[in-house]
Amino acid sequence: MDANNQKLYLRWTVNERIQHWLLAISFIVLVISGFALRYPDTWWAIPMVVGDSIDLRSLVHRIAATINTAVAVYHVGYLFFTARGRFQLKQLLLKPEDFRHMRDKILQNLGVKTKPVLFSHYTYWEKFEYWALIWGTIVMLVTGLSLWFENIFLQYLSLFYLDVARVIHYYEAILASLSILVWHFYFVIANPETYPVNFSMFNGYLTHEEMLAEHEGELKSILEKEHKTTI
C-alpha cells in the first residue's frame, strides 16, 4: 500500500531498476561524449578538453561504453538465468496480439474504434522500443569495437569496412538519441497518462489507477486470480 492506501503492483525489481539507471546514465554520457568527438568545437565538448594536451572525450566515451556493454551482457544473463528474467523475456516477446493492439489503438486514435485496448504486462510500443534497443546496442557494440580496436580489425578487414562502420555508428547514434528523446521520454514523461513522470522507475511500483490506465488487461488477470484464490 502507498501513502494514499492504494494497492501497489510490482513493475520493476531493485535489480531491474539498477540495470535501467546504469544503462540510462551510460547512454547519456555516450551521447554527449560521442557527439563531442564528432563536433569538437561545440560548447558541450569544451569541458572535456583540459589544457592543450588532455582530451577526456575519448576516455569518457570508452568508460561509458564499457559500462553500457557490461550492463548489456549482465542483462542477457539475467534474462536467461533467473526466474524473474525469464518471466520478463516471455512478456517481451512479440505476439500476434501486439499487432492487433497496434491496429486497434490506431483506429481508436482516429475515432473509428471506441472500445479501449486492454494491454497486458507490456504494450506493443514498449516491446518495439525494447527490441529496437537490443538491435541498436548490437550495432553500436560491433561498430564501436571496430573503431576502438582498429589496428586489430585492420589485420583482417579493409579500411573500407572501418569507414562504413564509422558512418553506421554515427547515424545509429543519431537514431538512438532521437528515439529516447522523442519516443521514450514522451511515454514516461509527457504522456498524459503518466505525466509528470512514471514513478515506477524510482520506486518500482504502479498504483491501481496506473495499472488501470496502462495495463488494464494484466490488472484484470491479477484480480481474477486473486478472486479465485479468495474463493
Protein backbone atom coordinates (compact mmCIF):
# COMPACT_ATOMS: atom_id res chain seq x y z
CA MET A 1 0.00 0.00 0.00
CA ASP A 2 1.16 3.56 -0.67
CA ALA A 3 0.58 6.71 1.37
CA ASN A 4 -2.93 7.04 -0.08
CA ASN A 5 -3.83 3.49 0.96
CA GLN A 6 -3.80 2.27 -2.65
CA LYS A 7 -2.66 -1.19 -3.59
CA LEU A 8 0.67 -1.21 -5.40
CA TYR A 9 1.71 -3.59 -8.15
CA LEU A 10 5.35 -4.54 -8.69
CA ARG A 11 6.67 -3.26 -12.01
CA TRP A 12 10.45 -3.28 -11.59
CA THR A 13 12.58 -5.04 -9.00
CA VAL A 14 15.58 -3.30 -7.41
CA ASN A 15 17.88 -5.28 -9.71
CA GLU A 16 15.96 -4.13 -12.80
CA ARG A 17 15.95 -0.51 -11.65
CA ILE A 18 19.71 -0.59 -11.14
CA GLN A 19 20.13 -2.02 -14.63
CA HIS A 20 17.89 0.72 -16.02
CA TRP A 21 19.74 3.58 -14.34
CA LEU A 22 23.20 2.25 -15.24
CA LEU A 23 22.01 1.92 -18.83
CA ALA A 24 20.41 5.37 -18.82
CA ILE A 25 23.41 7.18 -17.32
CA SER A 26 25.96 5.41 -19.53
CA PHE A 27 23.79 6.09 -22.58
CA ILE A 28 23.55 9.83 -21.81
CA VAL A 29 27.32 10.03 -21.27
CA LEU A 30 27.90 8.15 -24.52
CA VAL A 31 25.68 10.57 -26.44
CA ILE A 32 27.35 13.69 -25.02
CA SER A 33 30.92 12.43 -25.34
CA GLY A 34 30.28 10.83 -28.73
CA PHE A 35 28.88 13.95 -30.34
CA ALA A 36 31.65 15.93 -28.63
CA LEU A 37 34.13 13.77 -30.53
CA ARG A 38 32.22 14.34 -33.76
CA TYR A 39 31.86 18.09 -33.19
CA PRO A 40 34.91 19.10 -31.11
CA ASP A 41 34.28 22.86 -31.29
CA THR A 42 30.79 22.76 -29.78
CA TRP A 43 30.04 24.04 -26.29
CA TRP A 44 29.44 20.59 -24.76
CA ALA A 45 32.85 19.38 -25.96
CA ILE A 46 34.84 22.19 -24.35
CA PRO A 47 34.56 20.93 -20.71
CA MET A 48 36.08 17.61 -21.78
CA VAL A 49 39.28 19.24 -23.02
CA VAL A 50 41.76 20.14 -20.29
CA GLY A 51 44.62 22.39 -21.38
CA ASP A 52 46.28 21.78 -24.73
CA SER A 53 47.07 18.10 -24.38
CA ILE A 54 44.50 16.31 -22.22
CA ASP A 55 41.37 15.29 -24.11
CA LEU A 56 38.86 13.47 -21.95
CA ARG A 57 36.31 12.88 -24.69
CA SER A 58 37.68 9.54 -25.87
CA LEU A 59 38.38 8.34 -22.32
CA VAL A 60 34.91 9.25 -21.06
CA HIS A 61 33.29 7.73 -24.15
CA ARG A 62 35.15 4.45 -23.73
CA ILE A 63 34.43 4.20 -20.00
CA ALA A 64 30.73 4.79 -20.64
CA ALA A 65 30.82 2.25 -23.49
CA THR A 66 32.41 -0.33 -21.18
CA ILE A 67 29.73 0.21 -18.53
CA ASN A 68 26.98 0.10 -21.15
CA THR A 69 28.35 -3.15 -22.59
CA ALA A 70 28.73 -4.70 -19.13
CA VAL A 71 25.09 -3.87 -18.35
CA ALA A 72 24.02 -5.41 -21.68
CA VAL A 73 25.95 -8.62 -21.01
CA TYR A 74 24.59 -8.82 -17.47
CA HIS A 75 21.07 -8.21 -18.78
CA VAL A 76 21.33 -11.14 -21.19
CA GLY A 77 22.43 -13.38 -18.32
CA TYR A 78 19.61 -12.01 -16.18
CA LEU A 79 17.05 -12.85 -18.86
CA PHE A 80 18.18 -16.45 -19.30
CA PHE A 81 19.46 -17.49 -15.87
CA THR A 82 16.96 -16.02 -13.39
CA ALA A 83 13.28 -16.81 -12.93
CA ARG A 84 12.33 -13.14 -12.94
CA GLY A 85 14.41 -12.55 -16.07
CA ARG A 86 12.76 -15.42 -17.91
CA PHE A 87 9.37 -14.01 -16.93
CA GLN A 88 10.35 -10.62 -18.36
CA LEU A 89 11.67 -12.17 -21.56
CA LYS A 90 8.45 -14.14 -22.03
CA GLN A 91 6.43 -10.95 -21.60
CA LEU A 92 8.66 -9.02 -24.02
CA LEU A 93 8.33 -11.46 -26.92
CA LEU A 94 6.24 -10.09 -29.75
CA LYS A 95 2.95 -11.90 -30.29
CA PRO A 96 0.17 -11.62 -32.92
CA GLU A 97 -1.98 -9.81 -30.36
CA ASP A 98 0.56 -6.96 -30.26
CA PHE A 99 -0.09 -6.17 -33.91
CA ARG A 100 -3.83 -6.39 -33.32
CA HIS A 101 -3.42 -3.99 -30.40
CA MET A 102 -1.47 -1.62 -32.62
CA ARG A 103 -4.20 -1.72 -35.25
CA ASP A 104 -6.94 -1.16 -32.67
CA LYS A 105 -5.03 1.69 -30.99
CA ILE A 106 -4.56 3.46 -34.33
CA LEU A 107 -8.28 3.07 -35.07
CA GLN A 108 -9.08 4.33 -31.58
CA ASN A 109 -6.87 7.41 -32.07
CA LEU A 110 -8.62 8.08 -35.39
CA GLY A 111 -12.01 7.88 -33.69
CA VAL A 112 -13.06 4.82 -35.70
CA LYS A 113 -12.94 2.45 -32.73
CA THR A 114 -14.16 3.45 -29.27
CA LYS A 115 -13.59 0.24 -27.30
CA PRO A 116 -10.39 0.63 -25.21
CA VAL A 117 -7.43 -1.62 -25.91
CA LEU A 118 -6.56 -3.80 -22.91
CA PHE A 119 -2.77 -4.10 -22.67
CA SER A 120 -1.06 -6.83 -20.70
CA HIS A 121 2.33 -6.58 -18.94
CA TYR A 122 3.91 -4.71 -21.85
CA THR A 123 2.28 -2.65 -24.57
CA TYR A 124 3.25 -3.13 -28.19
CA TRP A 125 5.21 0.13 -28.24
CA GLU A 126 7.19 -0.89 -25.16
CA LYS A 127 8.11 -4.15 -26.89
CA PHE A 128 9.04 -2.33 -30.11
CA GLU A 129 11.23 0.06 -28.15
CA TYR A 130 12.90 -2.75 -26.22
CA TRP A 131 13.82 -4.77 -29.30
CA ALA A 132 14.96 -1.60 -31.08
CA LEU A 133 17.26 -1.02 -28.10
CA ILE A 134 18.62 -4.57 -28.38
CA TRP A 135 19.25 -4.15 -32.11
CA GLY A 136 20.81 -0.72 -31.64
CA THR A 137 23.09 -1.98 -28.85
CA ILE A 138 24.39 -4.79 -31.07
CA VAL A 139 25.04 -2.40 -33.96
CA MET A 140 26.79 0.16 -31.74
CA LEU A 141 28.83 -2.53 -30.00
CA VAL A 142 30.10 -4.12 -33.21
CA THR A 143 30.90 -0.83 -34.93
CA GLY A 144 32.24 0.77 -31.76
CA LEU A 145 34.66 -2.08 -31.06
CA SER A 146 35.83 -1.90 -34.68
CA LEU A 147 36.70 1.77 -34.25
CA TRP A 148 38.20 1.33 -30.78
CA PHE A 149 40.49 -1.56 -31.78
CA GLU A 150 41.01 -0.54 -35.40
CA ASN A 151 44.58 -1.83 -35.54
CA ILE A 152 43.37 -5.34 -34.73
CA PHE A 153 40.43 -5.19 -37.13
CA LEU A 154 42.62 -3.84 -39.95
CA GLN A 155 44.62 -7.05 -39.83
CA TYR A 156 41.58 -8.93 -41.07
CA LEU A 157 39.35 -6.32 -42.72
CA SER A 158 39.90 -3.49 -45.17
CA LEU A 159 39.88 0.23 -44.36
CA PHE A 160 36.61 0.44 -46.28
CA TYR A 161 34.92 -1.62 -43.56
CA LEU A 162 36.06 0.82 -40.86
CA ASP A 163 34.82 3.77 -42.89
CA VAL A 164 31.43 2.09 -43.22
CA ALA A 165 31.43 1.21 -39.51
CA ARG A 166 32.14 4.87 -38.64
CA VAL A 167 29.19 6.06 -40.73
CA ILE A 168 26.85 3.42 -39.28
CA HIS A 169 27.99 4.21 -35.73
CA TYR A 170 27.30 7.91 -36.24
CA TYR A 171 23.85 7.59 -37.78
CA GLU A 172 22.76 4.89 -35.36
CA ALA A 173 23.78 7.27 -32.55
CA ILE A 174 21.51 9.95 -34.01
CA LEU A 175 18.66 7.46 -34.38
CA ALA A 176 19.07 6.15 -30.82
CA SER A 177 19.24 9.67 -29.36
CA LEU A 178 16.09 10.77 -31.17
CA SER A 179 14.33 7.55 -30.16
CA ILE A 180 14.99 8.26 -26.49
CA LEU A 181 14.22 11.98 -26.67
CA VAL A 182 11.06 11.70 -28.76
CA TRP A 183 9.68 8.22 -28.09
CA HIS A 184 10.81 7.09 -24.65
CA PHE A 185 10.62 10.49 -22.94
CA TYR A 186 7.11 11.00 -24.31
CA PHE A 187 5.77 7.74 -22.88
CA VAL A 188 7.43 8.09 -19.46
CA ILE A 189 7.08 11.86 -19.02
CA ALA A 190 4.88 13.77 -21.48
CA ASN A 191 2.18 11.13 -21.94
CA PRO A 192 -0.99 12.46 -20.22
CA GLU A 193 -1.47 9.04 -18.60
CA THR A 194 1.94 9.23 -16.87
CA TYR A 195 2.61 12.99 -16.55
CA PRO A 196 4.63 14.41 -14.84
CA VAL A 197 6.67 11.19 -14.75
CA ASN A 198 6.26 7.44 -14.44
CA PHE A 199 7.47 6.98 -10.86
CA SER A 200 7.90 3.22 -11.24
CA MET A 201 11.43 3.92 -12.48
CA PHE A 202 12.18 5.18 -8.95
CA ASN A 203 10.04 3.08 -6.60
CA GLY A 204 9.37 0.05 -8.80
CA TYR A 205 5.57 0.07 -8.41
CA LEU A 206 2.40 1.12 -10.22
CA THR A 207 -0.79 2.15 -8.44
CA HIS A 208 -4.19 0.63 -9.17
CA GLU A 209 -5.12 3.69 -11.23
CA GLU A 210 -1.89 3.48 -13.23
CA MET A 211 -2.44 -0.20 -13.89
CA LEU A 212 -6.00 0.53 -14.98
CA ALA A 213 -4.81 3.23 -17.40
CA GLU A 214 -1.74 1.48 -18.80
CA HIS A 215 -2.12 -2.29 -18.28
CA GLU A 216 -5.80 -2.99 -17.75
CA GLY A 217 -5.54 -6.43 -19.34
CA GLU A 218 -2.89 -7.52 -16.83
CA LEU A 219 -4.80 -5.94 -13.95
CA LYS A 220 -7.92 -7.93 -14.82
CA SER A 221 -5.89 -11.14 -14.88
CA ILE A 222 -4.39 -10.34 -11.46
CA LEU A 223 -7.78 -9.53 -9.93
CA GLU A 224 -9.32 -12.70 -11.39
CA LYS A 225 -6.55 -14.83 -9.87
CA GLU A 226 -6.96 -13.09 -6.52
CA HIS A 227 -10.72 -13.67 -6.67
CA LYS A 228 -10.26 -17.39 -7.41
CA THR A 229 -7.74 -17.67 -4.58
CA THR A 230 -10.17 -16.00 -2.18
CA ILE A 231 -12.97 -18.35 -3.19
